């Protein structure tokens, strides 16, 4: 029973080691679609989750929640290893069963990762007090969407979490005082997400780069809870490798977002993943060394000028390269004879005397590098994952960041797509994930995708316009390694003429054997019951995708502008025939749709009989969405074949 007492020896027990990773609790299918027989541990956790509401939380809520205040609560949850408590919270979050009472029971000292993104309404000041008291060893905290949490309580909570490595405050009332608290208290932080924090200006992020970038003009009168002992206590930048800060600064506008982004790129040398407003404009400013544009910004805030910061970054890179080469030379000298070592030692001593007044000595093979210090392309950023990229300055990004493997790009209607196609050649053999928002014809993106598509494993296309002549098959053919393909588009404005030929027998039809997730969603009017069947030849593309993608686990066809039921029925009929032909064989390759776990068919012409065939054919299926399917009525939905393992949604 709950007791008011200090932590006992069981609560202090070190959790069993495991690889630290973040799990996305928003994917409910993750816990419903595990392959094979579940382990005994998982079965116990599932049973515990089933009884959580009626047994554990009910007893605590009825007898203790509103009557007592406990700092620590005795078990059984404080006796579990931290990773099992995290797993239980994840299960409850997926089921939408996390409550205030459940959180009080599960916030135990051995927790390392805490995500409340599935229940942001529960994140209130009193819960943060509980977190600060019970979970001071957290490595990862996600409070995204917690709108009811004032910045004062955010600061007080973060002051007690010095071990944090990952912090997500997206969509919260985070402001500059929270950033200063993070800089002072969370010195091990490697990932920070403050996207959609409208009370936070871009310039308020500068203290992440160290004490020299803590402008007094951005600092309101500090509260006792948010003030740090002294700015000098944190002179070095945080060891951030990931900074996500899109859509910030609506509350207060201080300076230029592009200039602030340029400062952050230069003062945080470890950054690999970045999402910043006007990121490409910042790269353009650095690439062309237009530092004078930031002078007014620097003088207003009382921080070092951008050119000084750039020079310090250049010198730091040179020093790093020099030390690396010196270590390599020292390692090579270990294999030489004693006589040669003495000769080299004398040579180094004379060299050190000659360059005693220089900041870094020059090696003969460094002459070319040293001569290029002032060149525009000398600085190379370590970015590998970038979001918020605009098409107009993507050329500067390709020069400064040649190691990018993941990119999210916005292309305006009047944007120069040819510039994007030429710049993307820099990453043509290494780009793994590409997301493009383009309110123009999908065909415009074909040249760029043909350049970079050979290495892509994830492709997202948003807002594109389609027509009956859209070369969707050519785009698919250019990306043979895709595992995830998502497209949201506008349907064709004109109806396609009847009589489109079906060429499924062509030997060069594209194959996507690794595709696991496929989503094609077309915009629609809510007042319109049926989408216009304006792209009948899309049937051929859908057949090709489904036949050539036997590994599909998640499938979503929403408001497709072509008949879909006949496509699915013919695939299932052919798959059943093929299965009967090879039934005598011990093993045979998977047939289309066989590995499906989730399927979304909203606003399509699918029939209930076809859905029943899919449920019989796909043994791993767990979820089906049939919302607004006009060929399915309530009687058919209620009389459908019952299947306990599949959840079916219809409205």
Foldseek 3Di string as FASTA:
>chain_A
DWDADDDDPLLVDAFDDDDDDDDDLQPLLVLQFDPDDDDPLNVVLVVCLVCCPVPPLVVCVVPPDVPDDHLDTDDPQSNDAQVSLVVSVSNCLSVVNDDLSNLLHSLAQRHAEDAPPSPLCSDALVVLVSNLRGHQAYQYYANAQNARYAQLSLLLSQQSNQNYQEYEHANYCHELLNLQSCLQRNQNHAAYAHANNARYELLSNQCLLALLSHFPVRDDDDDPSRDDPDRVNRGHHRQYQYYHYHNYHNNHYQDDQLLSLLSVLLSRQNHAAYEGANNLVNLVCLLVVVQVVCPVSCVVRVHDGSVVSNVVSLVVVVVVVLVVVVVVVVVVCVPDDPVVVVVVVVVVVVQCVVCVVPPGGDDPVCPVLVVCSPPSLNAAGNYAAYENAEQPRLQSVCSRYLNHQYYEYEYEAPRDLVSVLVSCLSCQQRHAYYAYEYLEAPQSCLSSLLRRQCRYQYYEYENHEYALPRVPQSSLQSRQAHQYYEYEYAYHPAADDPDDDQPPVDPSRHARQNHAEYEYHHDDDPVDLAAALRHAVVLNVVLSHQQRHLNYAEEEDERDSHADQVSLVVQLVVQVVVCVVCVVPPDDDGGGLQQYAEYEYERHQHALVSVLSSCVRHVSHAEYEHESNVNDDPVCVVPRDDDVRHDYHYD
